[in-house]
Amino acid sequence: MSVNTSNVYGKISISDQAIAKVAKNAALECYGIVDTASRSLTDSLSELLKKQPDGRGVKVVTVGDRIFIDVNVVIKYGVSISAVAESLKEGIKYKVERFTGMIVDTVNVNIIGVKP
């Protein structure tokens, strides 16, 4: 799927993979985040078989002009999980909305693991 919009210059279409890459980069810039990770073994295998695994750990679903994002992350040991999760939600929402010009409806953060 993709997000579509149009203006006086023409039609704009943004793929879910592009949105996932932006969300992943926003997640990695957030303090306390070590990496993004696939949730299960089947997700890992499907990511390996894809040609562009840059959106690993990020799932994007678009419905109309709304964007729903699920992100799976590994956090740094010793940081406040709730503070990092809220900062991550706000950072991803802000950057994806600026990138697409669309509304991000929800950002769900799943903590997969902790690393020192």
PDB file of N, CA and C in Angstrom:
ATOM      1  N   MET A   1       0.848  -1.176   0.000  1.00  0.00           N
ATOM      2  CA  MET A   1       0.000   0.000   0.000  1.00  0.00           C
ATOM      3  C   MET A   1       0.895   1.242   0.000  1.00  0.00           C
ATOM      4  N   SER A   2       0.244   2.355  -0.202  1.00  0.00           N
ATOM      5  CA  SER A   2       0.957   3.616  -0.166  1.00  0.00           C
ATOM      6  C   SER A   2      -0.012   4.725   0.198  1.00  0.00           C
ATOM      7  N   VAL A   3       0.549   5.850   0.584  1.00  0.00           N
ATOM      8  CA  VAL A   3      -0.244   7.032   0.904  1.00  0.00           C
ATOM      9  C   VAL A   3      -0.299   7.884  -0.347  1.00  0.00           C
ATOM     10  N   ASN A   4      -1.484   8.306  -0.727  1.00  0.00           N
ATOM     11  CA  ASN A   4      -1.658   9.114  -1.927  1.00  0.00           C
ATOM     12  C   ASN A   4      -2.295  10.447  -1.581  1.00  0.00           C
ATOM     13  N   THR A   5      -1.831  11.482  -2.238  1.00  0.00           N
ATOM     14  CA  THR A   5      -2.419  12.807  -2.114  1.00  0.00           C
ATOM     15  C   THR A   5      -2.217  13.530  -3.437  1.00  0.00           C
ATOM     16  N   SER A   6      -2.932  14.596  -3.602  1.00  0.00           N
ATOM     17  CA  SER A   6      -2.735  15.383  -4.819  1.00  0.00           C
ATOM     18  C   SER A   6      -2.829  16.859  -4.486  1.00  0.00           C
ATOM     19  N   ASN A   7      -2.154  17.648  -5.305  1.00  0.00           N
ATOM     20  CA  ASN A   7      -2.198  19.099  -5.161  1.00  0.00           C
ATOM     21  C   ASN A   7      -2.208  19.705  -6.555  1.00  0.00           C
ATOM     22  N   VAL A   8      -1.973  21.000  -6.662  1.00  0.00           N
ATOM     23  CA  VAL A   8      -2.035  21.666  -7.957  1.00  0.00           C
ATOM     24  C   VAL A   8      -0.947  21.188  -8.919  1.00  0.00           C
ATOM     25  N   TYR A   9       0.123  20.599  -8.382  1.00  0.00           N
ATOM     26  CA  TYR A   9       1.226  20.146  -9.221  1.00  0.00           C
ATOM     27  C   TYR A   9       1.045  18.715  -9.721  1.00  0.00           C
ATOM     28  N   GLY A  10       0.160  17.963  -9.093  1.00  0.00           N
ATOM     29  CA  GLY A  10      -0.066  16.583  -9.518  1.00  0.00           C
ATOM     30  C   GLY A  10      -0.301  15.656  -8.343  1.00  0.00           C
ATOM     31  N   LYS A  11      -0.180  14.365  -8.593  1.00  0.00           N
ATOM     32  CA  LYS A  11      -0.431  13.323  -7.607  1.00  0.00           C
ATOM     33  C   LYS A  11       0.875  12.904  -6.941  1.00  0.00           C
ATOM     34  N   ILE A  12       0.817  12.690  -5.632  1.00  0.00           N
ATOM     35  CA  ILE A  12       1.982  12.258  -4.870  1.00  0.00           C
ATOM     36  C   ILE A  12       1.648  10.916  -4.228  1.00  0.00           C
ATOM     37  N   SER A  13       2.532   9.952  -4.387  1.00  0.00           N
ATOM     38  CA  SER A  13       2.362   8.631  -3.803  1.00  0.00           C
ATOM     39  C   SER A  13       3.626   8.271  -3.030  1.00  0.00           C
ATOM     40  N   ILE A  14       3.473   7.911  -1.755  1.00  0.00           N
ATOM     41  CA  ILE A  14       4.611   7.555  -0.905  1.00  0.00           C
ATOM     42  C   ILE A  14       4.416   6.119  -0.452  1.00  0.00           C
ATOM     43  N   SER A  15       5.380   5.255  -0.734  1.00  0.00           N
ATOM     44  CA  SER A  15       5.249   3.840  -0.393  1.00  0.00           C
ATOM     45  C   SER A  15       5.424   3.620   1.109  1.00  0.00           C
ATOM     46  N   ASP A  16       4.885   2.495   1.575  1.00  0.00           N
ATOM     47  CA  ASP A  16       5.030   2.125   2.982  1.00  0.00           C
ATOM     48  C   ASP A  16       6.488   1.864   3.337  1.00  0.00           C
ATOM     49  N   GLN A  17       7.278   1.361   2.387  1.00  0.00           N
ATOM     50  CA  GLN A  17       8.696   1.120   2.646  1.00  0.00           C
ATOM     51  C   GLN A  17       9.441   2.418   2.912  1.00  0.00           C
ATOM     52  N   ALA A  18       9.111   3.468   2.173  1.00  0.00           N
ATOM     53  CA  ALA A  18       9.756   4.764   2.385  1.00  0.00           C
ATOM     54  C   ALA A  18       9.390   5.317   3.763  1.00  0.00           C
ATOM     55  N   ILE A  19       8.132   5.169   4.138  1.00  0.00           N
ATOM     56  CA  ILE A  19       7.693   5.636   5.457  1.00  0.00           C
ATOM     57  C   ILE A  19       8.387   4.830   6.545  1.00  0.00           C
ATOM     58  N   ALA A  20       8.541   3.510   6.337  1.00  0.00           N
ATOM     59  CA  ALA A  20       9.215   2.654   7.320  1.00  0.00           C
ATOM     60  C   ALA A  20      10.675   3.062   7.497  1.00  0.00           C
ATOM     61  N   LYS A  21      11.351   3.434   6.411  1.00  0.00           N
ATOM     62  CA  LYS A  21      12.747   3.875   6.511  1.00  0.00           C
ATOM     63  C   LYS A  21      12.870   5.159   7.324  1.00  0.00           C
ATOM     64  N   VAL A  22      11.942   6.088   7.092  1.00  0.00           N
ATOM     65  CA  VAL A  22      11.957   7.344   7.854  1.00  0.00           C
ATOM     66  C   VAL A  22      11.695   7.060   9.330  1.00  0.00           C
ATOM     67  N   ALA A  23      10.729   6.186   9.612  1.00  0.00           N
ATOM     68  CA  ALA A  23      10.408   5.843  11.000  1.00  0.00           C
ATOM     69  C   ALA A  23      11.592   5.152  11.680  1.00  0.00           C
ATOM     70  N   LYS A  24      12.273   4.265  10.952  1.00  0.00           N
ATOM     71  CA  LYS A  24      13.427   3.579  11.534  1.00  0.00           C
ATOM     72  C   LYS A  24      14.550   4.566  11.836  1.00  0.00           C
ATOM     73  N   ASN A  25      14.829   5.482  10.917  1.00  0.00           N
ATOM     74  CA  ASN A  25      15.871   6.480  11.159  1.00  0.00           C
ATOM     75  C   ASN A  25      15.515   7.371  12.340  1.00  0.00           C
ATOM     76  N   ALA A  26      14.241   7.734  12.466  1.00  0.00           N
ATOM     77  CA  ALA A  26      13.794   8.546  13.603  1.00  0.00           C
ATOM     78  C   ALA A  26      13.967   7.772  14.906  1.00  0.00           C
ATOM     79  N   ALA A  27      13.689   6.462  14.869  1.00  0.00           N
ATOM     80  CA  ALA A  27      13.837   5.636  16.072  1.00  0.00           C
ATOM     81  C   ALA A  27      15.292   5.539  16.496  1.00  0.00           C
ATOM     82  N   LEU A  28      16.178   5.356  15.541  1.00  0.00           N
ATOM     83  CA  LEU A  28      17.596   5.210  15.873  1.00  0.00           C
ATOM     84  C   LEU A  28      18.210   6.508  16.373  1.00  0.00           C
ATOM     85  N   GLU A  29      17.603   7.655  16.047  1.00  0.00           N
ATOM     86  CA  GLU A  29      18.093   8.945  16.543  1.00  0.00           C
ATOM     87  C   GLU A  29      17.646   9.210  17.976  1.00  0.00           C
ATOM     88  N   CYS A  30      16.662   8.481  18.448  1.00  0.00           N
ATOM     89  CA  CYS A  30      16.105   8.697  19.788  1.00  0.00           C
ATOM     90  C   CYS A  30      17.072   8.176  20.859  1.00  0.00           C
ATOM     91  N   TYR A  31      17.232   8.946  21.923  1.00  0.00           N
ATOM     92  CA  TYR A  31      18.108   8.544  23.022  1.00  0.00           C
ATOM     93  C   TYR A  31      17.566   7.282  23.695  1.00  0.00           C
ATOM     94  N   GLY A  32      18.440   6.328  23.937  1.00  0.00           N
ATOM     95  CA  GLY A  32      18.067   5.110  24.637  1.00  0.00           C
ATOM     96  C   GLY A  32      17.742   3.946  23.719  1.00  0.00           C
ATOM     97  N   ILE A  33      17.639   4.201  22.433  1.00  0.00           N
ATOM     98  CA  ILE A  33      17.332   3.131  21.481  1.00  0.00           C
ATOM     99  C   ILE A  33      18.649   2.588  20.926  1.00  0.00           C
ATOM    100  N   VAL A  34      18.839   1.271  21.021  1.00  0.00           N
ATOM    101  CA  VAL A  34      20.044   0.636  20.515  1.00  0.00           C
ATOM    102  C   VAL A  34      19.847   0.210  19.064  1.00  0.00           C
ATOM    103  N   ASP A  35      18.701  -0.438  18.771  1.00  0.00           N
ATOM    104  CA  ASP A  35      18.458  -0.949  17.424  1.00  0.00           C
ATOM    105  C   ASP A  35      16.974  -1.266  17.279  1.00  0.00           C
ATOM    106  N   THR A  36      16.558  -1.465  16.038  1.00  0.00           N
ATOM    107  CA  THR A  36      15.221  -1.997  15.786  1.00  0.00           C
ATOM    108  C   THR A  36      15.377  -3.478  15.517  1.00  0.00           C
ATOM    109  N   ALA A  37      14.336  -4.250  15.811  1.00  0.00           N
ATOM    110  CA  ALA A  37      14.438  -5.698  15.668  1.00  0.00           C
ATOM    111  C   ALA A  37      13.127  -6.271  15.180  1.00  0.00           C
ATOM    112  N   SER A  38      13.232  -7.381  14.461  1.00  0.00           N
ATOM    113  CA  SER A  38      12.032  -8.095  14.038  1.00  0.00           C
ATOM    114  C   SER A  38      11.418  -8.789  15.247  1.00  0.00           C
ATOM    115  N   ARG A  39      10.111  -8.920  15.230  1.00  0.00           N
ATOM    116  CA  ARG A  39       9.408  -9.459  16.380  1.00  0.00           C
ATOM    117  C   ARG A  39       9.516 -10.978  16.489  1.00  0.00           C
ATOM    118  N   SER A  40       9.524 -11.685  15.367  1.00  0.00           N
ATOM    119  CA  SER A  40       9.550 -13.142  15.426  1.00  0.00           C
ATOM    120  C   SER A  40      10.496 -13.699  14.373  1.00  0.00           C
ATOM    121  N   LEU A  41      10.696 -14.993  14.415  1.00  0.00           N
ATOM    122  CA  LEU A  41      11.573 -15.655  13.465  1.00  0.00           C
ATOM    123  C   LEU A  41      11.032 -15.549  12.042  1.00  0.00           C
ATOM    124  N   THR A  42       9.719 -15.657  11.880  1.00  0.00           N
ATOM    125  CA  THR A  42       9.144 -15.552  10.532  1.00  0.00           C
ATOM    126  C   THR A  42       9.325 -14.153   9.974  1.00  0.00           C
ATOM    127  N   ASP A  43       9.224 -13.134  10.836  1.00  0.00           N
ATOM    128  CA  ASP A  43       9.487 -11.762  10.387  1.00  0.00           C
ATOM    129  C   ASP A  43      10.950 -11.605   9.967  1.00  0.00           C
ATOM    130  N   SER A  44      11.861 -12.223  10.722  1.00  0.00           N
ATOM    131  CA  SER A  44      13.283 -12.141  10.389  1.00  0.00           C
ATOM    132  C   SER A  44      13.561 -12.801   9.054  1.00  0.00           C
ATOM    133  N   LEU A  45      12.959 -13.967   8.822  1.00  0.00           N
ATOM    134  CA  LEU A  45      13.169 -14.671   7.558  1.00  0.00           C
ATOM    135  C   LEU A  45      12.596 -13.882   6.384  1.00  0.00           C
ATOM    136  N   SER A  46      11.429 -13.291   6.570  1.00  0.00           N
ATOM    137  CA  SER A  46      10.843 -12.517   5.480  1.00  0.00           C
ATOM    138  C   SER A  46      11.664 -11.268   5.189  1.00  0.00           C
ATOM    139  N   GLU A  47      12.264 -10.676   6.204  1.00  0.00           N
ATOM    140  CA  GLU A  47      13.127  -9.520   5.990  1.00  0.00           C
ATOM    141  C   GLU A  47      14.393  -9.907   5.231  1.00  0.00           C
ATOM    142  N   LEU A  48      14.934 -11.103   5.516  1.00  0.00           N
ATOM    143  CA  LEU A  48      16.127 -11.556   4.812  1.00  0.00           C
ATOM    144  C   LEU A  48      15.851 -11.808   3.336  1.00  0.00           C
ATOM    145  N   LEU A  49      14.648 -12.264   3.020  1.00  0.00           N
ATOM    146  CA  LEU A  49      14.313 -12.569   1.639  1.00  0.00           C
ATOM    147  C   LEU A  49      13.962 -11.331   0.822  1.00  0.00           C
ATOM    148  N   LYS A  50      13.621 -10.246   1.483  1.00  0.00           N
ATOM    149  CA  LYS A  50      13.319  -9.005   0.768  1.00  0.00           C
ATOM    150  C   LYS A  50      14.596  -8.395   0.220  1.00  0.00           C
ATOM    151  N   LYS A  51      14.461  -7.619  -0.837  1.00  0.00           N
ATOM    152  CA  LYS A  51      15.629  -6.975  -1.433  1.00  0.00           C
ATOM    153  C   LYS A  51      16.086  -5.769  -0.629  1.00  0.00           C
ATOM    154  N   GLN A  52      15.143  -5.099   0.048  1.00  0.00           N
ATOM    155  CA  GLN A  52      15.482  -3.901   0.801  1.00  0.00           C
ATOM    156  C   GLN A  52      15.056  -4.057   2.254  1.00  0.00           C
ATOM    157  N   PRO A  53      15.898  -4.611   3.114  1.00  0.00           N
ATOM    158  CA  PRO A  53      15.512  -4.827   4.503  1.00  0.00           C
ATOM    159  C   PRO A  53      15.750  -3.611   5.398  1.00  0.00           C
ATOM    160  N   ASP A  54      15.721  -2.402   4.843  1.00  0.00           N
ATOM    161  CA  ASP A  54      16.031  -1.206   5.626  1.00  0.00           C
ATOM    162  C   ASP A  54      14.954  -0.853   6.646  1.00  0.00           C
ATOM    163  N   GLY A  55      13.739  -1.328   6.447  1.00  0.00           N
ATOM    164  CA  GLY A  55      12.665  -1.016   7.383  1.00  0.00           C
ATOM    165  C   GLY A  55      12.479  -2.084   8.437  1.00  0.00           C
ATOM    166  N   ARG A  56      13.535  -2.841   8.735  1.00  0.00           N
ATOM    167  CA  ARG A  56      13.456  -3.942   9.693  1.00  0.00           C
ATOM    168  C   ARG A  56      12.978  -3.436  11.050  1.00  0.00           C
ATOM    169  N   GLY A  57      11.988  -4.121  11.604  1.00  0.00           N
ATOM    170  CA  GLY A  57      11.476  -3.764  12.909  1.00  0.00           C
ATOM    171  C   GLY A  57      10.385  -2.715  12.878  1.00  0.00           C
ATOM    172  N   VAL A  58      10.006  -2.255  11.696  1.00  0.00           N
ATOM    173  CA  VAL A  58       8.968  -1.235  11.574  1.00  0.00           C
ATOM    174  C   VAL A  58       7.888  -1.748  10.633  1.00  0.00           C
ATOM    175  N   LYS A  59       6.650  -1.691  11.096  1.00  0.00           N
ATOM    176  CA  LYS A  59       5.521  -2.093  10.256  1.00  0.00           C
ATOM    177  C   LYS A  59       4.639  -0.866  10.050  1.00  0.00           C
ATOM    178  N   VAL A  60       4.346  -0.572   8.790  1.00  0.00           N
ATOM    179  CA  VAL A  60       3.535   0.588   8.443  1.00  0.00           C
ATOM    180  C   VAL A  60       2.262   0.111   7.753  1.00  0.00           C
ATOM    181  N   VAL A  61       1.136   0.595   8.227  1.00  0.00           N
ATOM    182  CA  VAL A  61      -0.153   0.321   7.594  1.00  0.00           C
ATOM    183  C   VAL A  61      -0.798   1.659   7.286  1.00  0.00           C
ATOM    184  N   THR A  62      -1.231   1.831   6.036  1.00  0.00           N
ATOM    185  CA  THR A  62      -1.893   3.069   5.649  1.00  0.00           C
ATOM    186  C   THR A  62      -3.335   2.781   5.287  1.00  0.00           C
ATOM    187  N   VAL A  63      -4.222   3.616   5.789  1.00  0.00           N
ATOM    188  CA  VAL A  63      -5.640   3.534   5.465  1.00  0.00           C
ATOM    189  C   VAL A  63      -6.077   4.933   5.066  1.00  0.00           C
ATOM    190  N   GLY A  64      -6.349   5.122   3.785  1.00  0.00           N
ATOM    191  CA  GLY A  64      -6.691   6.455   3.304  1.00  0.00           C
ATOM    192  C   GLY A  64      -5.497   7.368   3.447  1.00  0.00           C
ATOM    193  N   ASP A  65      -5.685   8.457   4.176  1.00  0.00           N
ATOM    194  CA  ASP A  65      -4.563   9.369   4.418  1.00  0.00           C
ATOM    195  C   ASP A  65      -4.050   9.269   5.853  1.00  0.00           C
ATOM    196  N   ARG A  66      -4.379   8.191   6.536  1.00  0.00           N
ATOM    197  CA  ARG A  66      -3.909   7.963   7.903  1.00  0.00           C
ATOM    198  C   ARG A  66      -2.819   6.901   7.913  1.00  0.00           C
ATOM    199  N   ILE A  67      -1.858   7.060   8.812  1.00  0.00           N
ATOM    200  CA  ILE A  67      -0.722   6.151   8.899  1.00  0.00           C
ATOM    201  C   ILE A  67      -0.679   5.546  10.297  1.00  0.00           C
ATOM    202  N   PHE A  68      -0.537   4.226  10.342  1.00  0.00           N
ATOM    203  CA  PHE A  68      -0.410   3.487  11.596  1.00  0.00           C
ATOM    204  C   PHE A  68       0.960   2.817  11.598  1.00  0.00           C
ATOM    205  N   ILE A  69       1.734   3.033  12.660  1.00  0.00           N
ATOM    206  CA  ILE A  69       3.111   2.536  12.713  1.00  0.00           C
ATOM    207  C   ILE A  69       3.300   1.678  13.963  1.00  0.00           C
ATOM    208  N   ASP A  70       3.893   0.492  13.769  1.00  0.00           N
ATOM    209  CA  ASP A  70       4.341  -0.369  14.864  1.00  0.00           C
ATOM    210  C   ASP A  70       5.851  -0.467  14.762  1.00  0.00           C
ATOM    211  N   VAL A  71       6.539  -0.202  15.853  1.00  0.00           N
ATOM    212  CA  VAL A  71       8.003  -0.266  15.841  1.00  0.00           C
ATOM    213  C   VAL A  71       8.467  -1.173  16.982  1.00  0.00           C
ATOM    214  N   ASN A  72       9.392  -2.075  16.656  1.00  0.00           N
ATOM    215  CA  ASN A  72       9.972  -3.005  17.618  1.00  0.00           C
ATOM    216  C   ASN A  72      11.409  -2.580  17.863  1.00  0.00           C
ATOM    217  N   VAL A  73      11.744  -2.300  19.115  1.00  0.00           N
ATOM    218  CA  VAL A  73      13.063  -1.749  19.418  1.00  0.00           C
ATOM    219  C   VAL A  73      13.757  -2.500  20.542  1.00  0.00           C
ATOM    220  N   VAL A  74      15.066  -2.357  20.565  1.00  0.00           N
ATOM    221  CA  VAL A  74      15.909  -2.812  21.668  1.00  0.00           C
ATOM    222  C   VAL A  74      16.409  -1.553  22.344  1.00  0.00           C
ATOM    223  N   ILE A  75      16.216  -1.468  23.672  1.00  0.00           N
ATOM    224  CA  ILE A  75      16.619  -0.257  24.386  1.00  0.00           C
ATOM    225  C   ILE A  75      17.881  -0.501  25.195  1.00  0.00           C
ATOM    226  N   LYS A  76      18.493   0.602  25.594  1.00  0.00           N
ATOM    227  CA  LYS A  76      19.710   0.561  26.384  1.00  0.00           C
ATOM    228  C   LYS A  76      19.352   0.282  27.844  1.00  0.00           C
ATOM    229  N   TYR A  77      20.149  -0.547  28.498  1.00  0.00           N
ATOM    230  CA  TYR A  77      19.935  -0.873  29.901  1.00  0.00           C
ATOM    231  C   TYR A  77      20.120   0.367  30.778  1.00  0.00           C
ATOM    232  N   GLY A  78      19.217   0.570  31.714  1.00  0.00           N
ATOM    233  CA  GLY A  78      19.350   1.653  32.675  1.00  0.00           C
ATOM    234  C   GLY A  78      18.545   2.894  32.356  1.00  0.00           C
ATOM    235  N   VAL A  79      17.905   2.956  31.204  1.00  0.00           N
ATOM    236  CA  VAL A  79      17.107   4.129  30.869  1.00  0.00           C
ATOM    237  C   VAL A  79      15.651   3.884  31.284  1.00  0.00           C
ATOM    238  N   SER A  80      14.913   4.947  31.452  1.00  0.00           N
ATOM    239  CA  SER A  80      13.500   4.851  31.796  1.00  0.00           C
ATOM    240  C   SER A  80      12.715   4.399  30.561  1.00  0.00           C
ATOM    241  N   ILE A  81      12.084   3.241  30.663  1.00  0.00           N
ATOM    242  CA  ILE A  81      11.364   2.689  29.517  1.00  0.00           C
ATOM    243  C   ILE A  81      10.216   3.598  29.099  1.00  0.00           C
ATOM    244  N   SER A  82       9.463   4.107  30.052  1.00  0.00           N
ATOM    245  CA  SER A  82       8.314   4.948  29.700  1.00  0.00           C
ATOM    246  C   SER A  82       8.757   6.260  29.062  1.00  0.00           C
ATOM    247  N   ALA A  83       9.832   6.853  29.567  1.00  0.00           N
ATOM    248  CA  ALA A  83      10.320   8.111  28.994  1.00  0.00           C
ATOM    249  C   ALA A  83      10.855   7.902  27.575  1.00  0.00           C
ATOM    250  N   VAL A  84      11.601   6.824  27.371  1.00  0.00           N
ATOM    251  CA  VAL A  84      12.137   6.538  26.042  1.00  0.00           C
ATOM    252  C   VAL A  84      11.007   6.229  25.069  1.00  0.00           C
ATOM    253  N   ALA A  85      10.015   5.459  25.513  1.00  0.00           N
ATOM    254  CA  ALA A  85       8.884   5.106  24.640  1.00  0.00           C
ATOM    255  C   ALA A  85       8.095   6.355  24.236  1.00  0.00           C
ATOM    256  N   GLU A  86       7.835   7.255  25.165  1.00  0.00           N
ATOM    257  CA  GLU A  86       7.105   8.487  24.831  1.00  0.00           C
ATOM    258  C   GLU A  86       7.912   9.371  23.884  1.00  0.00           C
ATOM    259  N   SER A  87       9.208   9.491  24.148  1.00  0.00           N
ATOM    260  CA  SER A  87      10.073  10.276  23.271  1.00  0.00           C
ATOM    261  C   SER A  87      10.120   9.666  21.875  1.00  0.00           C
ATOM    262  N   LEU A  88      10.163   8.350  21.810  1.00  0.00           N
ATOM    263  CA  LEU A  88      10.192   7.650  20.530  1.00  0.00           C
ATOM    264  C   LEU A  88       8.899   7.872  19.756  1.00  0.00           C
ATOM    265  N   LYS A  89       7.772   7.779  20.425  1.00  0.00           N
ATOM    266  CA  LYS A  89       6.474   8.009  19.770  1.00  0.00           C
ATOM    267  C   LYS A  89       6.402   9.415  19.180  1.00  0.00           C
ATOM    268  N   GLU A  90       6.782  10.396  19.982  1.00  0.00           N
ATOM    269  CA  GLU A  90       6.723  11.786  19.527  1.00  0.00           C
ATOM    270  C   GLU A  90       7.687  12.040  18.374  1.00  0.00           C
ATOM    271  N   GLY A  91       8.900  11.483  18.465  1.00  0.00           N
ATOM    272  CA  GLY A  91       9.894  11.682  17.416  1.00  0.00           C
ATOM    273  C   GLY A  91       9.477  11.069  16.090  1.00  0.00           C
ATOM    274  N   ILE A  92       8.971   9.846  16.138  1.00  0.00           N
ATOM    275  CA  ILE A  92       8.530   9.180  14.912  1.00  0.00           C
ATOM    276  C   ILE A  92       7.337   9.908  14.326  1.00  0.00           C
ATOM    277  N   LYS A  93       6.376  10.254  15.164  1.00  0.00           N
ATOM    278  CA  LYS A  93       5.177  10.949  14.680  1.00  0.00           C
ATOM    279  C   LYS A  93       5.554  12.265  14.000  1.00  0.00           C
ATOM    280  N   TYR A  94       6.418  13.045  14.625  1.00  0.00           N
ATOM    281  CA  TYR A  94       6.816  14.337  14.080  1.00  0.00           C
ATOM    282  C   TYR A  94       7.530  14.178  12.737  1.00  0.00           C
ATOM    283  N   LYS A  95       8.512  13.282  12.683  1.00  0.00           N
ATOM    284  CA  LYS A  95       9.307  13.159  11.460  1.00  0.00           C
ATOM    285  C   LYS A  95       8.523  12.564  10.300  1.00  0.00           C
ATOM    286  N   VAL A  96       7.662  11.588  10.576  1.00  0.00           N
ATOM    287  CA  VAL A  96       6.868  10.995   9.497  1.00  0.00           C
ATOM    288  C   VAL A  96       5.822  11.990   9.001  1.00  0.00           C
ATOM    289  N   GLU A  97       5.210  12.747   9.895  1.00  0.00           N
ATOM    290  CA  GLU A  97       4.239  13.758   9.464  1.00  0.00           C
ATOM    291  C   GLU A  97       4.906  14.843   8.635  1.00  0.00           C
ATOM    292  N   ARG A  98       6.109  15.241   9.007  1.00  0.00           N
ATOM    293  CA  ARG A  98       6.827  16.246   8.202  1.00  0.00           C
ATOM    294  C   ARG A  98       7.231  15.681   6.854  1.00  0.00           C
ATOM    295  N   PHE A  99       7.597  14.409   6.806  1.00  0.00           N
ATOM    296  CA  PHE A  99       8.026  13.766   5.570  1.00  0.00           C
ATOM    297  C   PHE A  99       6.865  13.569   4.605  1.00  0.00           C
ATOM    298  N   THR A 100       5.733  13.112   5.112  1.00  0.00           N
ATOM    299  CA  THR A 100       4.609  12.762   4.239  1.00  0.00           C
ATOM    300  C   THR A 100       3.589  13.873   4.070  1.00  0.00           C
ATOM    301  N   GLY A 101       3.455  14.729   5.063  1.00  0.00           N
ATOM    302  CA  GLY A 101       2.386  15.720   5.033  1.00  0.00           C
ATOM    303  C   GLY A 101       1.045  15.120   5.412  1.00  0.00           C
ATOM    304  N   MET A 102       1.049  13.875   5.869  1.00  0.00           N
ATOM    305  CA  MET A 102      -0.161  13.162   6.272  1.00  0.00           C
ATOM    306  C   MET A 102      -0.207  13.070   7.794  1.00  0.00           C
ATOM    307  N   ILE A 103      -1.316  12.562   8.298  1.00  0.00           N
ATOM    308  CA  ILE A 103      -1.512  12.428   9.733  1.00  0.00           C
ATOM    309  C   ILE A 103      -1.099  11.029  10.171  1.00  0.00           C
ATOM    310  N   VAL A 104      -0.228  10.960  11.192  1.00  0.00           N
ATOM    311  CA  VAL A 104       0.114   9.682  11.803  1.00  0.00           C
ATOM    312  C   VAL A 104      -0.895   9.458  12.914  1.00  0.00           C
ATOM    313  N   ASP A 105      -1.715   8.427  12.754  1.00  0.00           N
ATOM    314  CA  ASP A 105      -2.784   8.155  13.709  1.00  0.00           C
ATOM    315  C   ASP A 105      -2.229   7.566  14.998  1.00  0.00           C
ATOM    316  N   THR A 106      -1.459   6.476  14.903  1.00  0.00           N
ATOM    317  CA  THR A 106      -0.888   5.855  16.097  1.00  0.00           C
ATOM    318  C   THR A 106       0.532   5.381  15.834  1.00  0.00           C
ATOM    319  N   VAL A 107       1.322   5.413  16.890  1.00  0.00           N
ATOM    320  CA  VAL A 107       2.653   4.824  16.889  1.00  0.00           C
ATOM    321  C   VAL A 107       2.700   3.885  18.081  1.00  0.00           C
ATOM    322  N   ASN A 108       2.799   2.595  17.814  1.00  0.00           N
ATOM    323  CA  ASN A 108       2.892   1.584  18.871  1.00  0.00           C
ATOM    324  C   ASN A 108       4.338   1.168  19.025  1.00  0.00           C
ATOM    325  N   VAL A 109       4.842   1.229  20.267  1.00  0.00           N
ATOM    326  CA  VAL A 109       6.228   0.869  20.559  1.00  0.00           C
ATOM    327  C   VAL A 109       6.238  -0.467  21.296  1.00  0.00           C
ATOM    328  N   ASN A 110       6.972  -1.435  20.759  1.00  0.00           N
ATOM    329  CA  ASN A 110       7.138  -2.742  21.384  1.00  0.00           C
ATOM    330  C   ASN A 110       8.603  -2.892  21.770  1.00  0.00           C
ATOM    331  N   ILE A 111       8.865  -3.069  23.071  1.00  0.00           N
ATOM    332  CA  ILE A 111      10.223  -3.257  23.557  1.00  0.00           C
ATOM    333  C   ILE A 111      10.547  -4.747  23.428  1.00  0.00           C
ATOM    334  N   ILE A 112      11.486  -5.070  22.555  1.00  0.00           N
ATOM    335  CA  ILE A 112      11.837  -6.466  22.284  1.00  0.00           C
ATOM    336  C   ILE A 112      12.950  -6.949  23.218  1.00  0.00           C
ATOM    337  N   GLY A 113      13.850  -6.074  23.577  1.00  0.00           N
ATOM    338  CA  GLY A 113      14.964  -6.488  24.414  1.00  0.00           C
ATOM    339  C   GLY A 113      15.703  -5.317  25.010  1.00  0.00           C
ATOM    340  N   VAL A 114      16.692  -5.659  25.853  1.00  0.00           N
ATOM    341  CA  VAL A 114      17.515  -4.660  26.530  1.00  0.00           C
ATOM    342  C   VAL A 114      18.973  -5.058  26.336  1.00  0.00           C
ATOM    343  N   LYS A 115      19.823  -4.093  25.989  1.00  0.00           N
ATOM    344  CA  LYS A 115      21.256  -4.346  25.851  1.00  0.00           C
ATOM    345  C   LYS A 115      22.032  -3.364  26.730  1.00  0.00           C
ATOM    346  N   PRO A 116      23.171  -3.820  27.229  1.00  0.00           N
ATOM    347  CA  PRO A 116      23.983  -2.919  28.069  1.00  0.00           C
ATOM    348  C   PRO A 116      24.672  -1.845  27.261  1.00  0.00           C
TER     349      PRO A 116
END
